[in-house]
Amino acid sequence: MDAHPTHPIAAPLEPDLLAALEAVAEPTRARIVALLGHGEHCVCDVGEMLGLSPALVSHHLRTLRGSGLLRERRSGRWVYYSLDVERVAALRDAVADLLTPTGAATTACLCSDCGPSRAPVAGAGPLRRLPLLAEVSQ
C-alpha cells in the first residue's frame, strides 16, 4: 500500500444532481437549457429556434424533465416548458463546490505539490501549471 498521503476526497455529488449534470452535458440539451433560461417555450418554439425537429426536441425535453431540471405547464393541448429555477440553482452550487478549490483544502493536503510547505509561486493560481509536451521532451 502506498505510504504517501493523498488528497482529501470530496464528497460525491448526490445521484439526482449527477443525473441532472449528465443531462445538461449533452450539447443539444445544453442549448435547450440556455434557451429556456430566457422563459418558457413549447416544443414547436424550441425546435424552430434551434433548428431541430419536434421529435428530437421532445426526446431531449423528456430527458431534461426526467433529470428534474424542467417544469411543464399545460394549456389546452399545448405544453410549455421552463427551467426549475431552484433545481438549476442547486446544480450550479454543487458544480461550483466541486470545481472550486478552497484554501482549507489546500492547507489540509499533505502532498508536496500543494501542501503547507509549498513555496508560493508568483502569478500562480490555485492550480499548478503542468509542463507542455515540448517542455518535457527538452
N, C-alpha and C. Protein backbone atom coordinates (compact mmCIF):
# COMPACT_ATOMS: atom_id res chain seq x y z
N MET A 1 0.85 -1.19 0.00
CA MET A 1 0.00 0.00 0.00
C MET A 1 0.88 1.24 0.00
N ASP A 2 0.47 2.27 -0.69
CA ASP A 2 1.23 3.50 -0.82
C ASP A 2 1.24 4.25 0.50
N ALA A 3 2.43 4.61 0.97
CA ALA A 3 2.56 5.30 2.26
C ALA A 3 2.42 6.81 2.11
N HIS A 4 2.35 7.30 0.88
CA HIS A 4 2.24 8.74 0.67
C HIS A 4 0.84 9.22 1.01
N PRO A 5 0.74 10.36 1.69
CA PRO A 5 -0.60 10.91 1.96
C PRO A 5 -1.25 11.33 0.66
N THR A 6 -2.54 11.24 0.62
CA THR A 6 -3.27 11.60 -0.59
C THR A 6 -4.10 12.85 -0.37
N HIS A 7 -4.62 13.35 -1.44
CA HIS A 7 -5.53 14.50 -1.36
C HIS A 7 -6.81 14.07 -0.66
N PRO A 8 -7.40 14.96 0.14
CA PRO A 8 -8.71 14.62 0.71
C PRO A 8 -9.73 14.45 -0.42
N ILE A 9 -10.55 13.46 -0.33
CA ILE A 9 -11.53 13.18 -1.37
C ILE A 9 -12.80 13.97 -1.07
N ALA A 10 -13.26 14.69 -2.09
CA ALA A 10 -14.50 15.45 -1.95
C ALA A 10 -15.68 14.49 -1.91
N ALA A 11 -16.72 14.90 -1.24
CA ALA A 11 -17.95 14.10 -1.20
C ALA A 11 -18.52 14.03 -2.61
N PRO A 12 -19.01 12.86 -3.02
CA PRO A 12 -19.57 12.75 -4.38
C PRO A 12 -20.86 13.56 -4.50
N LEU A 13 -21.18 13.91 -5.73
CA LEU A 13 -22.44 14.60 -5.98
C LEU A 13 -23.59 13.65 -5.67
N GLU A 14 -24.68 14.20 -5.20
CA GLU A 14 -25.87 13.40 -4.95
C GLU A 14 -26.33 12.81 -6.28
N PRO A 15 -26.89 11.59 -6.27
CA PRO A 15 -27.28 10.94 -7.52
C PRO A 15 -28.23 11.78 -8.39
N ASP A 16 -29.16 12.49 -7.76
CA ASP A 16 -30.09 13.29 -8.57
C ASP A 16 -29.38 14.47 -9.22
N LEU A 17 -28.41 15.07 -8.54
CA LEU A 17 -27.65 16.16 -9.14
C LEU A 17 -26.71 15.65 -10.22
N LEU A 18 -26.17 14.47 -10.02
CA LEU A 18 -25.31 13.86 -11.03
C LEU A 18 -26.11 13.56 -12.29
N ALA A 19 -27.34 13.08 -12.15
CA ALA A 19 -28.21 12.81 -13.30
C ALA A 19 -28.52 14.11 -14.05
N ALA A 20 -28.75 15.19 -13.31
CA ALA A 20 -29.02 16.49 -13.95
C ALA A 20 -27.78 16.98 -14.69
N LEU A 21 -26.62 16.81 -14.10
CA LEU A 21 -25.38 17.23 -14.74
C LEU A 21 -25.14 16.43 -16.02
N GLU A 22 -25.39 15.13 -15.97
CA GLU A 22 -25.25 14.29 -17.16
C GLU A 22 -26.22 14.71 -18.26
N ALA A 23 -27.43 15.09 -17.87
CA ALA A 23 -28.43 15.51 -18.86
C ALA A 23 -27.99 16.79 -19.56
N VAL A 24 -27.43 17.73 -18.82
CA VAL A 24 -27.02 19.02 -19.40
C VAL A 24 -25.71 18.90 -20.17
N ALA A 25 -24.95 17.84 -19.93
CA ALA A 25 -23.66 17.68 -20.60
C ALA A 25 -23.80 17.45 -22.10
N GLU A 26 -24.95 16.99 -22.55
CA GLU A 26 -25.16 16.77 -23.98
C GLU A 26 -25.37 18.13 -24.64
N PRO A 27 -24.64 18.45 -25.73
CA PRO A 27 -24.67 19.81 -26.31
C PRO A 27 -26.06 20.32 -26.69
N THR A 28 -26.89 19.49 -27.28
CA THR A 28 -28.22 19.96 -27.68
C THR A 28 -29.06 20.28 -26.45
N ARG A 29 -28.96 19.45 -25.42
CA ARG A 29 -29.72 19.73 -24.20
C ARG A 29 -29.19 20.98 -23.51
N ALA A 30 -27.89 21.22 -23.59
CA ALA A 30 -27.33 22.45 -23.02
C ALA A 30 -27.90 23.67 -23.75
N ARG A 31 -28.06 23.57 -25.06
CA ARG A 31 -28.65 24.67 -25.83
C ARG A 31 -30.11 24.89 -25.43
N ILE A 32 -30.83 23.80 -25.20
CA ILE A 32 -32.23 23.91 -24.79
C ILE A 32 -32.33 24.57 -23.42
N VAL A 33 -31.45 24.18 -22.50
CA VAL A 33 -31.44 24.79 -21.17
C VAL A 33 -31.15 26.29 -21.29
N ALA A 34 -30.19 26.64 -22.14
CA ALA A 34 -29.87 28.06 -22.33
C ALA A 34 -31.08 28.82 -22.87
N LEU A 35 -31.78 28.23 -23.82
CA LEU A 35 -32.97 28.87 -24.39
C LEU A 35 -34.07 29.02 -23.33
N LEU A 36 -34.30 27.97 -22.56
CA LEU A 36 -35.34 28.02 -21.54
C LEU A 36 -34.96 28.94 -20.38
N GLY A 37 -33.70 29.30 -20.29
CA GLY A 37 -33.27 30.28 -19.30
C GLY A 37 -33.86 31.66 -19.56
N HIS A 38 -34.38 31.87 -20.78
CA HIS A 38 -34.98 33.15 -21.13
C HIS A 38 -36.49 33.13 -21.00
N GLY A 39 -37.06 31.99 -20.59
CA GLY A 39 -38.51 31.91 -20.42
C GLY A 39 -39.05 30.60 -20.95
N GLU A 40 -40.35 30.39 -20.73
CA GLU A 40 -40.96 29.13 -21.13
C GLU A 40 -41.25 29.10 -22.63
N HIS A 41 -41.19 27.89 -23.18
CA HIS A 41 -41.44 27.68 -24.60
C HIS A 41 -42.10 26.33 -24.80
N CYS A 42 -42.84 26.21 -25.90
CA CYS A 42 -43.41 24.91 -26.28
C CYS A 42 -42.41 24.18 -27.18
N VAL A 43 -42.68 22.92 -27.46
CA VAL A 43 -41.80 22.10 -28.29
C VAL A 43 -41.57 22.76 -29.64
N CYS A 44 -42.63 23.27 -30.25
CA CYS A 44 -42.52 23.89 -31.57
C CYS A 44 -41.58 25.09 -31.56
N ASP A 45 -41.71 25.93 -30.54
CA ASP A 45 -40.82 27.10 -30.41
C ASP A 45 -39.37 26.69 -30.27
N VAL A 46 -39.11 25.71 -29.40
CA VAL A 46 -37.74 25.25 -29.18
C VAL A 46 -37.16 24.70 -30.48
N GLY A 47 -37.94 23.88 -31.18
CA GLY A 47 -37.48 23.30 -32.43
C GLY A 47 -37.19 24.36 -33.48
N GLU A 48 -38.07 25.33 -33.59
CA GLU A 48 -37.88 26.40 -34.58
C GLU A 48 -36.66 27.24 -34.25
N MET A 49 -36.47 27.60 -32.99
CA MET A 49 -35.35 28.46 -32.61
C MET A 49 -34.00 27.76 -32.72
N LEU A 50 -33.99 26.45 -32.49
CA LEU A 50 -32.72 25.72 -32.52
C LEU A 50 -32.52 24.90 -33.79
N GLY A 51 -33.50 24.93 -34.70
CA GLY A 51 -33.37 24.19 -35.95
C GLY A 51 -33.43 22.68 -35.75
N LEU A 52 -34.31 22.23 -34.87
CA LEU A 52 -34.44 20.81 -34.57
C LEU A 52 -35.85 20.34 -34.86
N SER A 53 -36.00 19.06 -35.17
CA SER A 53 -37.34 18.50 -35.41
C SER A 53 -38.10 18.41 -34.09
N PRO A 54 -39.43 18.49 -34.13
CA PRO A 54 -40.21 18.35 -32.90
C PRO A 54 -39.95 17.02 -32.18
N ALA A 55 -39.73 15.95 -32.94
CA ALA A 55 -39.46 14.65 -32.31
C ALA A 55 -38.15 14.68 -31.53
N LEU A 56 -37.12 15.30 -32.11
CA LEU A 56 -35.83 15.38 -31.43
C LEU A 56 -35.93 16.28 -30.19
N VAL A 57 -36.65 17.39 -30.32
CA VAL A 57 -36.85 18.28 -29.17
C VAL A 57 -37.59 17.55 -28.06
N SER A 58 -38.62 16.80 -28.41
CA SER A 58 -39.38 16.05 -27.41
C SER A 58 -38.49 15.04 -26.68
N HIS A 59 -37.63 14.37 -27.43
CA HIS A 59 -36.69 13.42 -26.83
C HIS A 59 -35.80 14.10 -25.79
N HIS A 60 -35.22 15.23 -26.18
CA HIS A 60 -34.32 15.95 -25.26
C HIS A 60 -35.08 16.54 -24.07
N LEU A 61 -36.27 17.05 -24.31
CA LEU A 61 -37.08 17.59 -23.21
C LEU A 61 -37.47 16.49 -22.23
N ARG A 62 -37.75 15.30 -22.74
CA ARG A 62 -38.09 14.17 -21.87
C ARG A 62 -36.91 13.84 -20.95
N THR A 63 -35.70 13.85 -21.50
CA THR A 63 -34.51 13.58 -20.69
C THR A 63 -34.30 14.67 -19.65
N LEU A 64 -34.44 15.92 -20.06
CA LEU A 64 -34.27 17.04 -19.11
C LEU A 64 -35.35 17.02 -18.04
N ARG A 65 -36.57 16.69 -18.43
CA ARG A 65 -37.67 16.61 -17.46
C ARG A 65 -37.40 15.48 -16.46
N GLY A 66 -36.90 14.36 -16.96
CA GLY A 66 -36.58 13.23 -16.09
C GLY A 66 -35.46 13.54 -15.11
N SER A 67 -34.59 14.46 -15.47
CA SER A 67 -33.50 14.85 -14.58
C SER A 67 -33.95 15.86 -13.53
N GLY A 68 -35.18 16.34 -13.66
CA GLY A 68 -35.73 17.28 -12.69
C GLY A 68 -35.43 18.73 -12.98
N LEU A 69 -34.82 19.03 -14.13
CA LEU A 69 -34.45 20.41 -14.43
C LEU A 69 -35.57 21.24 -15.04
N LEU A 70 -36.63 20.59 -15.50
CA LEU A 70 -37.70 21.31 -16.18
C LEU A 70 -39.03 21.22 -15.43
N ARG A 71 -39.82 22.24 -15.65
CA ARG A 71 -41.23 22.24 -15.23
C ARG A 71 -42.05 22.30 -16.49
N GLU A 72 -43.24 21.78 -16.41
CA GLU A 72 -44.13 21.88 -17.56
C GLU A 72 -45.46 22.44 -17.13
N ARG A 73 -46.05 23.20 -18.04
CA ARG A 73 -47.37 23.79 -17.80
C ARG A 73 -48.24 23.48 -19.00
N ARG A 74 -49.39 22.90 -18.74
CA ARG A 74 -50.32 22.56 -19.82
C ARG A 74 -51.34 23.67 -20.00
N SER A 75 -51.59 23.99 -21.25
CA SER A 75 -52.60 24.97 -21.60
C SER A 75 -53.34 24.42 -22.82
N GLY A 76 -54.49 23.79 -22.57
CA GLY A 76 -55.21 23.12 -23.65
C GLY A 76 -54.38 21.94 -24.14
N ARG A 77 -54.15 21.92 -25.44
CA ARG A 77 -53.34 20.82 -25.99
C ARG A 77 -51.85 21.14 -26.02
N TRP A 78 -51.47 22.34 -25.61
CA TRP A 78 -50.08 22.76 -25.63
C TRP A 78 -49.41 22.51 -24.28
N VAL A 79 -48.14 22.17 -24.33
CA VAL A 79 -47.33 22.00 -23.12
C VAL A 79 -46.18 22.98 -23.23
N TYR A 80 -46.03 23.79 -22.19
CA TYR A 80 -44.96 24.78 -22.15
C TYR A 80 -43.92 24.35 -21.12
N TYR A 81 -42.66 24.45 -21.49
CA TYR A 81 -41.56 24.02 -20.63
C TYR A 81 -40.78 25.23 -20.14
N SER A 82 -40.34 25.14 -18.89
CA SER A 82 -39.48 26.17 -18.31
C SER A 82 -38.50 25.49 -17.36
N LEU A 83 -37.48 26.21 -16.98
CA LEU A 83 -36.50 25.65 -16.05
C LEU A 83 -37.06 25.64 -14.64
N ASP A 84 -36.72 24.62 -13.89
CA ASP A 84 -36.99 24.60 -12.45
C ASP A 84 -35.83 25.37 -11.82
N VAL A 85 -36.08 26.64 -11.53
CA VAL A 85 -35.02 27.56 -11.10
C VAL A 85 -34.31 27.07 -9.84
N GLU A 86 -35.05 26.53 -8.90
CA GLU A 86 -34.43 26.04 -7.66
C GLU A 86 -33.51 24.85 -7.94
N ARG A 87 -33.94 23.97 -8.81
CA ARG A 87 -33.14 22.80 -9.16
C ARG A 87 -31.88 23.20 -9.91
N VAL A 88 -32.00 24.15 -10.82
CA VAL A 88 -30.83 24.65 -11.56
C VAL A 88 -29.85 25.33 -10.60
N ALA A 89 -30.37 26.07 -9.64
CA ALA A 89 -29.50 26.73 -8.65
C ALA A 89 -28.75 25.69 -7.81
N ALA A 90 -29.44 24.62 -7.42
CA ALA A 90 -28.79 23.56 -6.64
C ALA A 90 -27.69 22.89 -7.46
N LEU A 91 -27.93 22.67 -8.74
CA LEU A 91 -26.92 22.08 -9.62
C LEU A 91 -25.73 23.02 -9.77
N ARG A 92 -26.01 24.31 -9.98
CA ARG A 92 -24.93 25.30 -10.12
C ARG A 92 -24.08 25.35 -8.85
N ASP A 93 -24.71 25.34 -7.69
CA ASP A 93 -23.97 25.37 -6.43
C ASP A 93 -23.12 24.12 -6.24
N ALA A 94 -23.66 22.95 -6.60
CA ALA A 94 -22.92 21.70 -6.45
C ALA A 94 -21.71 21.66 -7.37
N VAL A 95 -21.88 22.14 -8.60
CA VAL A 95 -20.76 22.16 -9.54
C VAL A 95 -19.71 23.18 -9.09
N ALA A 96 -20.15 24.33 -8.60
CA ALA A 96 -19.20 25.33 -8.10
C ALA A 96 -18.40 24.78 -6.93
N ASP A 97 -19.06 24.09 -6.01
CA ASP A 97 -18.36 23.48 -4.88
C ASP A 97 -17.37 22.43 -5.34
N LEU A 98 -17.75 21.65 -6.34
CA LEU A 98 -16.90 20.59 -6.85
C LEU A 98 -15.66 21.14 -7.54
N LEU A 99 -15.81 22.22 -8.29
CA LEU A 99 -14.73 22.73 -9.13
C LEU A 99 -13.95 23.88 -8.53
N THR A 100 -14.29 24.33 -7.34
CA THR A 100 -13.61 25.46 -6.73
C THR A 100 -12.78 24.99 -5.55
N PRO A 101 -11.45 24.96 -5.71
CA PRO A 101 -10.62 24.57 -4.58
C PRO A 101 -10.66 25.65 -3.50
N THR A 102 -10.68 25.23 -2.27
CA THR A 102 -10.71 26.19 -1.17
C THR A 102 -9.35 26.26 -0.50
N GLY A 103 -9.10 27.32 0.23
CA GLY A 103 -7.86 27.44 0.98
C GLY A 103 -7.74 26.34 2.01
N ALA A 104 -8.86 25.95 2.62
CA ALA A 104 -8.84 24.89 3.62
C ALA A 104 -8.41 23.57 3.00
N ALA A 105 -8.88 23.28 1.79
CA ALA A 105 -8.50 22.04 1.13
C ALA A 105 -7.01 22.03 0.80
N THR A 106 -6.49 23.16 0.40
CA THR A 106 -5.07 23.24 0.05
C THR A 106 -4.20 23.06 1.28
N THR A 107 -4.55 23.70 2.39
CA THR A 107 -3.72 23.57 3.59
C THR A 107 -3.88 22.21 4.24
N ALA A 108 -5.01 21.54 4.02
CA ALA A 108 -5.21 20.21 4.59
C ALA A 108 -4.45 19.14 3.83
N CYS A 109 -4.10 19.45 2.59
CA CYS A 109 -3.41 18.48 1.75
C CYS A 109 -1.96 18.34 2.22
N LEU A 110 -1.49 17.11 2.27
CA LEU A 110 -0.14 16.84 2.75
C LEU A 110 0.84 16.52 1.63
N CYS A 111 0.40 16.54 0.39
CA CYS A 111 1.32 16.21 -0.70
C CYS A 111 2.27 17.37 -0.95
N SER A 112 3.37 17.09 -1.59
CA SER A 112 4.39 18.11 -1.79
C SER A 112 3.99 19.17 -2.80
N ASP A 113 3.00 18.87 -3.66
CA ASP A 113 2.62 19.84 -4.69
C ASP A 113 1.75 20.98 -4.17
N CYS A 114 0.95 20.72 -3.15
CA CYS A 114 0.03 21.78 -2.74
C CYS A 114 -0.09 21.94 -1.23
N GLY A 115 0.68 21.25 -0.46
CA GLY A 115 0.58 21.33 1.00
C GLY A 115 1.15 22.61 1.55
N PRO A 116 1.11 22.75 2.88
CA PRO A 116 1.53 23.99 3.52
C PRO A 116 3.02 24.29 3.36
N SER A 117 3.85 23.29 3.06
CA SER A 117 5.28 23.54 2.93
C SER A 117 5.65 24.05 1.55
N ARG A 118 4.70 24.06 0.63
CA ARG A 118 4.99 24.51 -0.74
C ARG A 118 5.26 26.01 -0.75
N ALA A 119 6.30 26.40 -1.43
CA ALA A 119 6.62 27.82 -1.57
C ALA A 119 5.68 28.43 -2.59
N PRO A 120 5.13 29.62 -2.30
CA PRO A 120 4.22 30.24 -3.26
C PRO A 120 4.96 30.61 -4.54
N VAL A 121 4.28 30.42 -5.67
CA VAL A 121 4.84 30.76 -6.97
C VAL A 121 4.18 32.05 -7.43
N ALA A 122 5.00 33.02 -7.81
CA ALA A 122 4.47 34.32 -8.24
C ALA A 122 3.59 34.13 -9.47
N GLY A 123 2.40 34.69 -9.44
CA GLY A 123 1.50 34.65 -10.57
C GLY A 123 0.75 33.34 -10.73
N ALA A 124 0.97 32.40 -9.85
CA ALA A 124 0.29 31.11 -9.98
C ALA A 124 -1.07 31.18 -9.31
N GLY A 125 -2.04 30.57 -9.93
CA GLY A 125 -3.38 30.50 -9.37
C GLY A 125 -3.48 29.31 -8.44
N PRO A 126 -4.70 28.90 -8.10
CA PRO A 126 -4.87 27.79 -7.18
C PRO A 126 -4.48 26.44 -7.78
N LEU A 127 -4.36 26.37 -9.11
CA LEU A 127 -3.98 25.12 -9.75
C LEU A 127 -2.57 25.22 -10.31
N ARG A 128 -1.81 24.15 -10.19
CA ARG A 128 -0.44 24.11 -10.67
C ARG A 128 -0.43 23.96 -12.18
N ARG A 129 0.44 24.70 -12.85
CA ARG A 129 0.57 24.60 -14.30
C ARG A 129 1.38 23.36 -14.63
N LEU A 130 0.84 22.53 -15.52
CA LEU A 130 1.55 21.34 -15.96
C LEU A 130 2.45 21.70 -17.13
N PRO A 131 3.62 21.07 -17.24
CA PRO A 131 4.50 21.40 -18.36
C PRO A 131 3.91 20.94 -19.68
N LEU A 132 4.23 21.68 -20.75
CA LEU A 132 3.80 21.29 -22.07
C LEU A 132 4.67 20.13 -22.55
N LEU A 133 4.15 19.36 -23.49
CA LEU A 133 4.89 18.22 -24.02
C LEU A 133 6.24 18.65 -24.58
N ALA A 134 6.30 19.80 -25.25
CA ALA A 134 7.56 20.29 -25.82
C ALA A 134 8.56 20.59 -24.72
N GLU A 135 8.09 21.07 -23.56
CA GLU A 135 8.99 21.37 -22.44
C GLU A 135 9.53 20.09 -21.81
N VAL A 136 8.72 19.06 -21.76
CA VAL A 136 9.12 17.80 -21.14
C VAL A 136 10.17 17.10 -21.99
N SER A 137 10.04 17.16 -23.31
CA SER A 137 10.95 16.43 -24.20
C SER A 137 12.29 17.12 -24.38
N GLN A 138 12.47 18.32 -23.85
CA GLN A 138 13.75 19.03 -23.99
C GLN A 138 14.79 18.50 -23.07
